[in-house]
């Protein structure tokens, strides 16, 4: 019952790029109004806003619209997943492992990412712990995503172009950026505990 894309690849990607630009731009402007926020904090807010909305809207649609591949209306989100399925046909095939990963990401990872935006903006004490936890979850999800593909033959792309552009390229950000954030938050958390220990020792003396 698969219905081919009615929108062109350029249309699908340009719309996604446009809305990504809007989200990042709005978050950057909003973060600039927050007191004493560094450029790094503002960039992190942009990332968490983008990834949070992507998880909730784009991945959420995939999870809760099991027959997207039959859509004949040209609905944008259905077109996105039809296009991405050219790089990984497990999506169109509703692979149980993929649906599980995307479901957990949409339901938990998305809201948690938006909470991270709030935590950074308001300087909450749990900001780094939260960012570390979400980043680890994202790395775990991508790890399972690739490992299951390798165990099943890693032969789900329509061509090498889609394989490297979608399967590899589209997921690269969720490897590199969460890894950098996890390392950064780990260092901040360790420094905080070290400072607390030193303060306790000083008081004991």
N, C-alpha and C. Protein backbone atom coordinates (compact mmCIF):
# COMPACT_ATOMS: atom_id res chain seq x y z
N UNK A 1 0.78 -1.21 0.00
CA UNK A 1 0.00 0.00 0.00
C UNK A 1 0.82 1.27 0.00
N UNK A 2 2.11 1.15 -0.24
CA UNK A 2 2.99 2.32 -0.23
C UNK A 2 2.65 3.28 -1.35
N UNK A 3 2.54 4.57 -1.00
CA UNK A 3 2.27 5.61 -1.99
C UNK A 3 3.52 6.49 -2.10
N UNK A 4 4.12 6.60 -3.27
CA UNK A 4 5.35 7.40 -3.44
C UNK A 4 5.15 8.86 -3.05
N UNK A 5 6.24 9.55 -2.78
CA UNK A 5 6.20 10.97 -2.42
C UNK A 5 5.56 11.80 -3.53
N UNK A 6 4.74 12.74 -3.13
CA UNK A 6 4.16 13.67 -4.10
C UNK A 6 4.94 14.98 -4.12
N UNK A 7 5.70 15.24 -3.03
CA UNK A 7 6.56 16.41 -2.98
C UNK A 7 7.97 16.02 -3.42
N UNK A 8 8.67 16.95 -4.03
CA UNK A 8 10.04 16.67 -4.46
C UNK A 8 10.98 16.70 -3.27
N UNK A 9 12.13 16.08 -3.44
CA UNK A 9 13.14 16.07 -2.38
C UNK A 9 13.53 17.49 -1.99
N UNK A 10 13.71 18.36 -2.96
CA UNK A 10 14.11 19.73 -2.68
C UNK A 10 13.05 20.47 -1.87
N UNK A 11 11.78 20.22 -2.18
CA UNK A 11 10.70 20.85 -1.42
C UNK A 11 10.69 20.38 0.03
N UNK A 12 10.82 19.09 0.22
CA UNK A 12 10.81 18.52 1.57
C UNK A 12 11.96 19.06 2.41
N UNK A 13 13.15 19.06 1.84
CA UNK A 13 14.32 19.51 2.58
C UNK A 13 14.32 21.01 2.82
N UNK A 14 13.83 21.78 1.85
CA UNK A 14 13.82 23.23 2.00
C UNK A 14 12.84 23.67 3.08
N UNK A 15 11.69 23.01 3.15
CA UNK A 15 10.71 23.33 4.19
C UNK A 15 11.28 23.00 5.57
N UNK A 16 11.94 21.85 5.67
CA UNK A 16 12.55 21.46 6.95
C UNK A 16 13.63 22.46 7.35
N UNK A 17 14.44 22.87 6.38
CA UNK A 17 15.51 23.84 6.65
C UNK A 17 14.92 25.18 7.07
N UNK A 18 13.83 25.58 6.44
CA UNK A 18 13.18 26.87 6.76
C UNK A 18 12.66 26.88 8.19
N UNK A 19 11.95 25.83 8.59
CA UNK A 19 11.42 25.78 9.94
C UNK A 19 12.53 25.62 10.98
N UNK A 20 13.60 24.93 10.62
CA UNK A 20 14.75 24.82 11.52
C UNK A 20 15.34 26.21 11.74
N UNK A 21 15.45 26.97 10.66
CA UNK A 21 15.97 28.34 10.75
C UNK A 21 15.09 29.19 11.66
N UNK A 22 13.77 29.06 11.53
CA UNK A 22 12.85 29.83 12.35
C UNK A 22 13.00 29.49 13.83
N UNK A 23 13.08 28.19 14.13
CA UNK A 23 13.21 27.75 15.53
C UNK A 23 14.50 28.25 16.14
N UNK A 24 15.59 28.07 15.41
CA UNK A 24 16.91 28.49 15.91
C UNK A 24 16.96 30.01 16.06
N UNK A 25 16.44 30.72 15.09
CA UNK A 25 16.46 32.19 15.13
C UNK A 25 15.64 32.72 16.31
N UNK A 26 14.44 32.19 16.48
CA UNK A 26 13.58 32.62 17.59
C UNK A 26 14.25 32.34 18.93
N UNK A 27 14.83 31.14 19.06
CA UNK A 27 15.47 30.77 20.32
C UNK A 27 16.69 31.64 20.59
N UNK A 28 17.45 31.93 19.54
CA UNK A 28 18.63 32.79 19.69
C UNK A 28 18.23 34.19 20.16
N UNK A 29 17.18 34.73 19.55
CA UNK A 29 16.70 36.06 19.95
C UNK A 29 16.18 36.04 21.39
N UNK A 30 15.39 35.02 21.70
CA UNK A 30 14.83 34.87 23.06
C UNK A 30 15.94 34.74 24.09
N UNK A 31 16.95 33.91 23.78
CA UNK A 31 18.04 33.67 24.73
C UNK A 31 18.86 34.93 24.97
N UNK A 32 18.89 35.82 23.98
CA UNK A 32 19.64 37.07 24.12
C UNK A 32 19.02 38.01 25.13
N UNK A 33 17.75 37.78 25.45
CA UNK A 33 17.05 38.62 26.43
C UNK A 33 17.21 38.09 27.85
N UNK A 34 17.82 36.91 27.96
CA UNK A 34 18.04 36.34 29.29
C UNK A 34 19.32 36.91 29.89
N UNK A 35 19.31 37.29 31.15
CA UNK A 35 20.48 37.91 31.77
C UNK A 35 21.67 36.97 31.90
N UNK A 36 22.84 37.48 31.56
CA UNK A 36 24.12 36.79 31.77
C UNK A 36 24.21 35.43 31.09
N UNK A 37 23.66 35.30 29.89
CA UNK A 37 23.78 34.05 29.16
C UNK A 37 24.92 34.15 28.16
N UNK A 38 25.85 33.20 28.24
CA UNK A 38 26.98 33.18 27.34
C UNK A 38 26.53 32.70 25.96
N UNK A 39 27.39 32.86 24.98
CA UNK A 39 27.08 32.37 23.64
C UNK A 39 26.89 30.86 23.64
N UNK A 40 27.68 30.17 24.48
CA UNK A 40 27.54 28.72 24.58
C UNK A 40 26.18 28.34 25.11
N UNK A 41 25.72 29.04 26.16
CA UNK A 41 24.39 28.79 26.71
C UNK A 41 23.32 29.01 25.65
N UNK A 42 23.46 30.07 24.89
CA UNK A 42 22.47 30.40 23.87
C UNK A 42 22.46 29.36 22.74
N UNK A 43 23.63 28.89 22.36
CA UNK A 43 23.71 27.85 21.33
C UNK A 43 23.09 26.55 21.83
N UNK A 44 23.33 26.25 23.11
CA UNK A 44 22.74 25.05 23.69
C UNK A 44 21.22 25.14 23.72
N UNK A 45 20.71 26.32 24.03
CA UNK A 45 19.26 26.51 24.01
C UNK A 45 18.69 26.31 22.62
N UNK A 46 19.42 26.78 21.61
CA UNK A 46 18.99 26.59 20.21
C UNK A 46 18.96 25.11 19.86
N UNK A 47 19.99 24.39 20.27
CA UNK A 47 20.06 22.95 19.99
C UNK A 47 18.92 22.21 20.65
N UNK A 48 18.69 22.48 21.94
CA UNK A 48 17.66 21.74 22.67
C UNK A 48 16.27 22.09 22.16
N UNK A 49 16.06 23.33 21.73
CA UNK A 49 14.77 23.71 21.17
C UNK A 49 14.53 22.98 19.85
N UNK A 50 15.56 22.96 19.00
CA UNK A 50 15.46 22.28 17.71
C UNK A 50 15.24 20.78 17.89
N UNK A 51 16.08 20.16 18.71
CA UNK A 51 15.99 18.70 18.86
C UNK A 51 14.70 18.31 19.59
N UNK A 52 14.26 19.14 20.54
CA UNK A 52 13.03 18.84 21.26
C UNK A 52 11.82 18.85 20.36
N UNK A 53 11.70 19.89 19.53
CA UNK A 53 10.57 19.99 18.61
C UNK A 53 10.64 18.93 17.52
N UNK A 54 11.85 18.59 17.11
CA UNK A 54 12.02 17.51 16.11
C UNK A 54 11.53 16.19 16.68
N UNK A 55 11.93 15.91 17.92
CA UNK A 55 11.49 14.66 18.57
C UNK A 55 9.97 14.61 18.70
N UNK A 56 9.38 15.69 19.18
CA UNK A 56 7.95 15.70 19.46
C UNK A 56 7.11 15.71 18.18
N UNK A 57 7.43 16.62 17.26
CA UNK A 57 6.59 16.80 16.07
C UNK A 57 6.91 15.78 14.97
N UNK A 58 8.16 15.75 14.55
CA UNK A 58 8.52 14.91 13.41
C UNK A 58 8.52 13.43 13.79
N UNK A 59 9.25 13.08 14.84
CA UNK A 59 9.32 11.67 15.25
C UNK A 59 8.01 11.22 15.89
N UNK A 60 7.35 12.15 16.59
CA UNK A 60 6.06 11.81 17.17
C UNK A 60 5.04 11.44 16.10
N UNK A 61 5.07 12.15 14.98
CA UNK A 61 4.15 11.83 13.88
C UNK A 61 4.42 10.41 13.37
N UNK A 62 5.68 10.08 13.20
CA UNK A 62 6.02 8.74 12.72
C UNK A 62 5.44 7.66 13.64
N UNK A 63 5.59 7.87 14.93
CA UNK A 63 5.15 6.87 15.90
C UNK A 63 3.63 6.71 15.91
N UNK A 64 2.93 7.84 15.87
CA UNK A 64 1.48 7.80 16.04
C UNK A 64 0.70 7.85 14.72
N UNK A 65 1.41 7.77 13.62
CA UNK A 65 0.75 7.68 12.31
C UNK A 65 1.31 6.46 11.58
N UNK A 66 0.94 5.26 12.02
CA UNK A 66 1.53 4.03 11.49
C UNK A 66 1.35 3.79 10.00
N UNK A 67 0.37 4.44 9.38
CA UNK A 67 0.15 4.23 7.95
C UNK A 67 0.52 5.45 7.13
N UNK A 68 1.55 6.18 7.59
CA UNK A 68 1.98 7.38 6.87
C UNK A 68 2.38 7.07 5.43
N UNK A 69 2.91 5.86 5.22
CA UNK A 69 3.40 5.49 3.89
C UNK A 69 2.27 5.30 2.88
N UNK A 70 1.02 5.28 3.36
CA UNK A 70 -0.13 5.16 2.47
C UNK A 70 -0.78 6.52 2.15
N UNK A 71 -0.24 7.58 2.76
CA UNK A 71 -0.85 8.89 2.62
C UNK A 71 -0.86 9.36 1.16
N UNK A 72 -2.03 9.83 0.71
CA UNK A 72 -2.18 10.30 -0.66
C UNK A 72 -2.42 11.81 -0.74
N UNK A 73 -2.45 12.45 0.42
CA UNK A 73 -2.80 13.88 0.47
C UNK A 73 -1.60 14.80 0.29
N UNK A 74 -0.40 14.26 0.39
CA UNK A 74 0.80 15.09 0.31
C UNK A 74 1.10 15.80 1.62
N UNK A 75 0.53 15.28 2.74
CA UNK A 75 0.78 15.87 4.05
C UNK A 75 2.28 15.88 4.32
N UNK A 76 2.78 17.04 4.74
CA UNK A 76 4.22 17.24 4.80
C UNK A 76 4.95 16.20 5.65
N UNK A 77 4.49 15.94 6.87
CA UNK A 77 5.20 15.01 7.75
C UNK A 77 5.22 13.59 7.19
N UNK A 78 4.15 13.21 6.52
CA UNK A 78 4.13 11.90 5.86
C UNK A 78 5.18 11.86 4.75
N UNK A 79 5.29 12.97 4.02
CA UNK A 79 6.27 13.06 2.94
C UNK A 79 7.70 12.98 3.48
N UNK A 80 7.92 13.60 4.65
CA UNK A 80 9.25 13.56 5.27
C UNK A 80 9.67 12.12 5.51
N UNK A 81 8.76 11.32 6.08
CA UNK A 81 9.13 9.95 6.42
C UNK A 81 9.17 9.03 5.20
N UNK A 82 8.39 9.35 4.19
CA UNK A 82 8.52 8.58 2.94
C UNK A 82 9.89 8.82 2.33
N UNK A 83 10.30 10.08 2.38
CA UNK A 83 11.61 10.44 1.82
C UNK A 83 12.73 9.81 2.63
N UNK A 84 12.63 9.91 3.97
CA UNK A 84 13.69 9.34 4.82
C UNK A 84 13.76 7.82 4.68
N UNK A 85 12.63 7.19 4.41
CA UNK A 85 12.59 5.73 4.26
C UNK A 85 13.44 5.25 3.08
N UNK A 86 13.77 6.18 2.18
CA UNK A 86 14.67 5.82 1.08
C UNK A 86 16.08 5.54 1.61
N UNK A 87 16.38 6.11 2.76
CA UNK A 87 17.68 5.86 3.39
C UNK A 87 17.62 4.73 4.39
N UNK A 88 16.41 4.41 4.88
CA UNK A 88 16.24 3.32 5.83
C UNK A 88 14.81 2.80 5.70
N UNK A 89 14.65 1.74 4.95
CA UNK A 89 13.31 1.21 4.66
C UNK A 89 12.62 0.61 5.88
N UNK A 90 13.34 0.47 6.99
CA UNK A 90 12.72 -0.06 8.21
C UNK A 90 11.61 0.87 8.70
N UNK A 91 11.71 2.15 8.34
CA UNK A 91 10.67 3.10 8.75
C UNK A 91 9.36 2.83 8.03
N UNK A 92 9.43 2.65 6.72
CA UNK A 92 8.22 2.34 5.96
C UNK A 92 7.68 0.97 6.33
N UNK A 93 8.57 0.07 6.73
CA UNK A 93 8.18 -1.28 7.13
C UNK A 93 7.71 -1.38 8.56
N UNK A 94 7.74 -0.25 9.30
CA UNK A 94 7.29 -0.20 10.69
C UNK A 94 8.00 -1.24 11.55
N UNK A 95 9.33 -1.28 11.42
CA UNK A 95 10.14 -2.19 12.22
C UNK A 95 9.89 -1.92 13.70
N UNK A 96 9.67 -2.99 14.48
CA UNK A 96 9.30 -2.84 15.89
C UNK A 96 10.37 -2.12 16.69
N UNK A 97 11.62 -2.43 16.41
CA UNK A 97 12.72 -1.79 17.13
C UNK A 97 12.77 -0.29 16.85
N UNK A 98 12.57 0.09 15.60
CA UNK A 98 12.59 1.50 15.22
C UNK A 98 11.44 2.24 15.86
N UNK A 99 10.25 1.65 15.82
CA UNK A 99 9.08 2.30 16.42
C UNK A 99 9.29 2.49 17.92
N UNK A 100 9.91 1.51 18.57
CA UNK A 100 10.16 1.60 20.01
C UNK A 100 11.12 2.74 20.33
N UNK A 101 12.22 2.81 19.59
CA UNK A 101 13.22 3.86 19.82
C UNK A 101 12.61 5.23 19.58
N UNK A 102 11.91 5.38 18.47
CA UNK A 102 11.32 6.67 18.13
C UNK A 102 10.21 7.04 19.11
N UNK A 103 9.48 6.05 19.59
CA UNK A 103 8.40 6.31 20.54
C UNK A 103 8.94 6.85 21.85
N UNK A 104 9.97 6.22 22.38
CA UNK A 104 10.58 6.67 23.63
C UNK A 104 11.19 8.06 23.46
N UNK A 105 11.80 8.27 22.30
CA UNK A 105 12.42 9.57 22.03
C UNK A 105 11.39 10.68 21.96
N UNK A 106 10.28 10.40 21.26
CA UNK A 106 9.24 11.42 21.10
C UNK A 106 8.55 11.74 22.42
N UNK A 107 8.24 10.71 23.20
CA UNK A 107 7.46 10.89 24.43
C UNK A 107 8.31 11.44 25.58
N UNK A 108 9.55 10.97 25.68
CA UNK A 108 10.39 11.39 26.80
C UNK A 108 11.49 12.37 26.39
N UNK A 109 12.19 12.05 25.31
CA UNK A 109 13.31 12.89 24.87
C UNK A 109 12.90 14.29 24.44
N UNK A 110 11.76 14.38 23.75
CA UNK A 110 11.30 15.69 23.27
C UNK A 110 10.98 16.66 24.40
N UNK A 111 10.07 16.30 25.30
CA UNK A 111 9.76 17.19 26.43
C UNK A 111 10.97 17.48 27.31
N UNK A 112 11.83 16.49 27.50
CA UNK A 112 13.03 16.70 28.32
C UNK A 112 13.95 17.73 27.68
N UNK A 113 14.04 17.70 26.35
CA UNK A 113 14.87 18.67 25.63
C UNK A 113 14.34 20.09 25.80
N UNK A 114 13.02 20.25 25.73
CA UNK A 114 12.43 21.57 25.94
C UNK A 114 12.60 22.02 27.39
N UNK A 115 12.57 21.07 28.31
CA UNK A 115 12.83 21.39 29.72
C UNK A 115 14.26 21.90 29.88
N UNK A 116 15.18 21.35 29.08
CA UNK A 116 16.58 21.79 29.13
C UNK A 116 16.70 23.25 28.70
N UNK A 117 15.89 23.66 27.71
CA UNK A 117 15.89 25.07 27.29
C UNK A 117 15.50 25.95 28.48
N UNK A 118 14.44 25.56 29.16
CA UNK A 118 13.96 26.30 30.33
C UNK A 118 15.01 26.30 31.44
N UNK A 119 15.64 25.16 31.67
CA UNK A 119 16.63 25.04 32.74
C UNK A 119 17.84 25.95 32.50
N UNK A 120 18.29 26.01 31.26
CA UNK A 120 19.42 26.89 30.92
C UNK A 120 19.01 28.35 31.04
N UNK A 121 17.82 28.67 30.53
CA UNK A 121 17.34 30.06 30.53
C UNK A 121 17.20 30.61 31.94
N UNK A 122 16.75 29.75 32.85
CA UNK A 122 16.48 30.20 34.22
C UNK A 122 17.59 29.84 35.20
N UNK A 123 18.65 29.19 34.70
CA UNK A 123 19.79 28.87 35.56
C UNK A 123 19.48 27.85 36.64
N UNK A 124 18.67 26.85 36.32
CA UNK A 124 18.30 25.83 37.30
C UNK A 124 19.51 24.96 37.66
N UNK A 125 19.52 24.50 38.89
CA UNK A 125 20.65 23.70 39.38
C UNK A 125 20.74 22.34 38.70
N UNK A 126 19.63 21.86 38.16
CA UNK A 126 19.62 20.55 37.52
C UNK A 126 19.96 20.61 36.03
N UNK A 127 20.31 21.79 35.54
CA UNK A 127 20.55 21.97 34.10
C UNK A 127 21.55 20.98 33.52
N UNK A 128 22.71 20.86 34.15
CA UNK A 128 23.76 19.99 33.59
C UNK A 128 23.43 18.51 33.75
N UNK A 129 22.82 18.13 34.86
CA UNK A 129 22.41 16.74 35.04
C UNK A 129 21.40 16.36 33.97
N UNK A 130 20.45 17.25 33.72
CA UNK A 130 19.42 17.00 32.72
C UNK A 130 20.04 16.88 31.33
N UNK A 131 20.90 17.81 30.97
CA UNK A 131 21.54 17.77 29.65
C UNK A 131 22.38 16.51 29.47
N UNK A 132 23.07 16.12 30.54
CA UNK A 132 23.89 14.91 30.49
C UNK A 132 23.01 13.68 30.25
N UNK A 133 21.89 13.61 30.98
CA UNK A 133 20.99 12.46 30.86
C UNK A 133 20.38 12.37 29.46
N UNK A 134 19.91 13.50 28.94
CA UNK A 134 19.30 13.49 27.60
C UNK A 134 20.34 13.12 26.54
N UNK A 135 21.53 13.66 26.68
CA UNK A 135 22.59 13.37 25.70
C UNK A 135 22.94 11.89 25.71
N UNK A 136 23.04 11.30 26.90
CA UNK A 136 23.32 9.86 26.98
C UNK A 136 22.19 9.06 26.33
N UNK A 137 20.95 9.48 26.57
CA UNK A 137 19.80 8.78 25.98
C UNK A 137 19.84 8.87 24.45
N UNK A 138 20.22 10.04 23.94
CA UNK A 138 20.30 10.21 22.49
C UNK A 138 21.41 9.34 21.90
N UNK A 139 22.55 9.31 22.58
CA UNK A 139 23.66 8.47 22.11
C UNK A 139 23.28 6.99 22.17
N UNK A 140 22.58 6.61 23.22
CA UNK A 140 22.13 5.23 23.36
C UNK A 140 21.16 4.88 22.22
N UNK A 141 20.22 5.79 21.94
CA UNK A 141 19.25 5.55 20.89
C UNK A 141 19.90 5.39 19.52
N UNK A 142 20.85 6.27 19.21
CA UNK A 142 21.56 6.19 17.93
C UNK A 142 22.39 4.92 17.87
N UNK A 143 22.99 4.54 19.01
CA UNK A 143 23.78 3.31 19.06
C UNK A 143 22.92 2.09 18.74
N UNK A 144 21.77 2.00 19.38
CA UNK A 144 20.85 0.88 19.13
C UNK A 144 20.38 0.91 17.67
N UNK A 145 20.11 2.11 17.17
CA UNK A 145 19.64 2.28 15.79
C UNK A 145 20.64 1.69 14.80
N UNK A 146 21.91 2.01 14.98
CA UNK A 146 22.93 1.52 14.04
C UNK A 146 23.27 0.04 14.28
N UNK A 147 23.33 -0.36 15.53
CA UNK A 147 23.70 -1.74 15.84
C UNK A 147 22.66 -2.72 15.31
N UNK A 148 21.38 -2.40 15.49
CA UNK A 148 20.33 -3.29 14.98
C UNK A 148 20.39 -3.38 13.45
N UNK A 149 20.73 -2.28 12.81
CA UNK A 149 20.84 -2.30 11.34
C UNK A 149 22.00 -3.20 10.91
N UNK A 150 23.11 -3.09 11.61
CA UNK A 150 24.27 -3.92 11.28
C UNK A 150 23.97 -5.40 11.49
N UNK A 151 23.28 -5.72 12.57
CA UNK A 151 22.95 -7.11 12.87
C UNK A 151 21.96 -7.69 11.86
N UNK A 152 21.19 -6.82 11.22
CA UNK A 152 20.21 -7.28 10.25
C UNK A 152 20.69 -7.15 8.81
N UNK A 153 21.98 -6.84 8.63
CA UNK A 153 22.54 -6.81 7.29
C UNK A 153 22.88 -5.44 6.74
N UNK A 154 22.42 -4.38 7.40
CA UNK A 154 22.73 -3.00 6.99
C UNK A 154 22.48 -2.79 5.50
N UNK A 155 21.31 -3.20 5.05
CA UNK A 155 20.98 -3.10 3.63
C UNK A 155 19.56 -2.57 3.47
N UNK A 156 19.33 -1.35 3.96
CA UNK A 156 17.97 -0.81 3.97
C UNK A 156 17.81 0.46 3.15
N UNK A 157 18.88 0.89 2.48
CA UNK A 157 18.83 2.12 1.69
C UNK A 157 18.57 1.84 0.22
N UNK A 158 17.88 2.78 -0.42
CA UNK A 158 17.57 2.63 -1.84
C UNK A 158 18.82 2.78 -2.71
N UNK A 159 19.80 3.53 -2.24
CA UNK A 159 21.04 3.72 -2.98
C UNK A 159 22.10 4.24 -2.02
N UNK A 160 23.34 4.31 -2.46
CA UNK A 160 24.42 4.81 -1.62
C UNK A 160 24.21 6.29 -1.28
N UNK A 161 23.63 7.04 -2.22
CA UNK A 161 23.36 8.45 -1.97
C UNK A 161 22.46 8.61 -0.76
N UNK A 162 21.35 7.88 -0.73
CA UNK A 162 20.42 7.97 0.40
C UNK A 162 21.05 7.39 1.66
N UNK A 163 21.87 6.38 1.49
CA UNK A 163 22.52 5.76 2.64
C UNK A 163 23.39 6.78 3.38
N UNK A 164 24.22 7.48 2.62
CA UNK A 164 25.14 8.44 3.26
C UNK A 164 24.47 9.77 3.59
N UNK A 165 23.50 10.19 2.80
CA UNK A 165 22.84 11.47 3.05
C UNK A 165 21.86 11.40 4.21
N UNK A 166 21.05 10.34 4.25
CA UNK A 166 20.01 10.22 5.27
C UNK A 166 20.44 9.34 6.44
N UNK A 167 20.77 8.10 6.13
CA UNK A 167 21.09 7.13 7.19
C UNK A 167 22.31 7.57 8.01
N UNK A 168 23.33 8.06 7.34
CA UNK A 168 24.55 8.51 8.04
C UNK A 168 24.48 10.00 8.36
N UNK A 169 24.31 10.82 7.34
CA UNK A 169 24.37 12.27 7.51
C UNK A 169 23.32 12.86 8.42
N UNK A 170 22.06 12.44 8.23
CA UNK A 170 20.97 13.01 9.01
C UNK A 170 21.06 12.67 10.49
N UNK A 171 21.78 11.61 10.82
CA UNK A 171 21.90 11.19 12.22
C UNK A 171 23.20 11.63 12.87
N UNK A 172 24.12 12.17 12.07
CA UNK A 172 25.44 12.54 12.59
C UNK A 172 25.36 13.58 13.71
N UNK A 173 24.43 14.53 13.58
CA UNK A 173 24.30 15.58 14.60
C UNK A 173 23.96 15.00 15.96
N UNK A 174 23.18 13.90 15.96
CA UNK A 174 22.76 13.30 17.24
C UNK A 174 23.82 12.35 17.79
N UNK A 175 24.98 12.37 17.18
CA UNK A 175 26.15 11.67 17.74
C UNK A 175 27.15 12.69 18.24
N UNK A 176 27.52 13.60 17.36
CA UNK A 176 28.57 14.58 17.68
C UNK A 176 28.14 15.55 18.78
N UNK A 177 26.98 16.20 18.60
CA UNK A 177 26.56 17.24 19.55
C UNK A 177 26.24 16.67 20.93
N UNK A 178 25.46 15.59 21.05
CA UNK A 178 25.22 15.04 22.39
C UNK A 178 26.51 14.59 23.08
N UNK A 179 27.47 14.09 22.31
CA UNK A 179 28.74 13.68 22.90
C UNK A 179 29.47 14.87 23.50
N UNK A 180 29.51 15.97 22.76
CA UNK A 180 30.16 17.19 23.24
C UNK A 180 29.45 17.72 24.49
N UNK A 181 28.11 17.74 24.45
CA UNK A 181 27.35 18.24 25.59
C UNK A 181 27.53 17.36 26.81
N UNK A 182 27.54 16.04 26.60
CA UNK A 182 27.70 15.11 27.72
C UNK A 182 29.05 15.32 28.40
N UNK A 183 30.10 15.49 27.61
CA UNK A 183 31.43 15.72 28.18
C UNK A 183 31.47 17.03 28.96
N UNK A 184 30.87 18.07 28.37
CA UNK A 184 30.83 19.38 29.02
C UNK A 184 30.07 19.33 30.34
N UNK A 185 28.90 18.72 30.32
CA UNK A 185 28.08 18.64 31.53
C UNK A 185 28.73 17.76 32.59
N UNK A 186 29.41 16.72 32.15
CA UNK A 186 30.14 15.84 33.08
C UNK A 186 31.20 16.65 33.83
N UNK A 187 31.93 17.46 33.09
CA UNK A 187 32.99 18.28 33.70
C UNK A 187 32.41 19.28 34.69
N UNK A 188 31.31 19.93 34.33
CA UNK A 188 30.68 20.90 35.22
C UNK A 188 30.17 20.21 36.49
N UNK A 189 29.57 19.04 36.33
CA UNK A 189 29.03 18.32 37.47
C UNK A 189 30.15 17.86 38.41
N UNK A 190 31.22 17.34 37.84
CA UNK A 190 32.37 16.90 38.65
C UNK A 190 32.99 18.09 39.39
N UNK A 191 33.10 19.23 38.70
CA UNK A 191 33.67 20.43 39.32
C UNK A 191 32.81 20.90 40.49
N UNK A 192 31.48 20.79 40.33
CA UNK A 192 30.56 21.22 41.39
C UNK A 192 30.71 20.34 42.63
N UNK A 193 30.82 19.02 42.42
CA UNK A 193 30.99 18.11 43.55
C UNK A 193 32.35 18.29 44.22
N UNK A 194 33.37 18.54 43.40
CA UNK A 194 34.70 18.78 43.93
C UNK A 194 34.72 20.03 44.80
N UNK A 195 34.06 21.07 44.32
CA UNK A 195 33.98 22.32 45.09
C UNK A 195 33.23 22.11 46.39
N UNK A 196 32.16 21.31 46.34
CA UNK A 196 31.37 21.03 47.54
C UNK A 196 32.19 20.25 48.56
N UNK A 197 32.97 19.27 48.08
CA UNK A 197 33.82 18.48 48.97
C UNK A 197 34.87 19.35 49.64
N UNK A 198 35.46 20.26 48.87
CA UNK A 198 36.48 21.15 49.43
C UNK A 198 35.88 22.08 50.49
N UNK A 199 34.64 22.51 50.24
CA UNK A 199 33.96 23.39 51.20
C UNK A 199 33.69 22.64 52.51
N UNK A 200 33.29 21.38 52.41
CA UNK A 200 33.03 20.55 53.60
C UNK A 200 34.31 20.35 54.41
N UNK A 201 35.41 20.08 53.70
CA UNK A 201 36.69 19.86 54.37
C UNK A 201 37.16 21.12 55.10
N UNK A 202 36.91 22.27 54.44
CA UNK A 202 37.30 23.56 55.06
C UNK A 202 36.51 23.80 56.33
N UNK A 203 35.20 23.47 56.30
CA UNK A 203 34.36 23.66 57.48
C UNK A 203 34.76 22.74 58.62
N UNK A 204 35.15 21.52 58.27
CA UNK A 204 35.59 20.54 59.28
C UNK A 204 36.84 21.02 59.99
N UNK A 205 37.75 21.63 59.24
CA UNK A 205 38.99 22.15 59.82
C UNK A 205 38.69 23.35 60.74
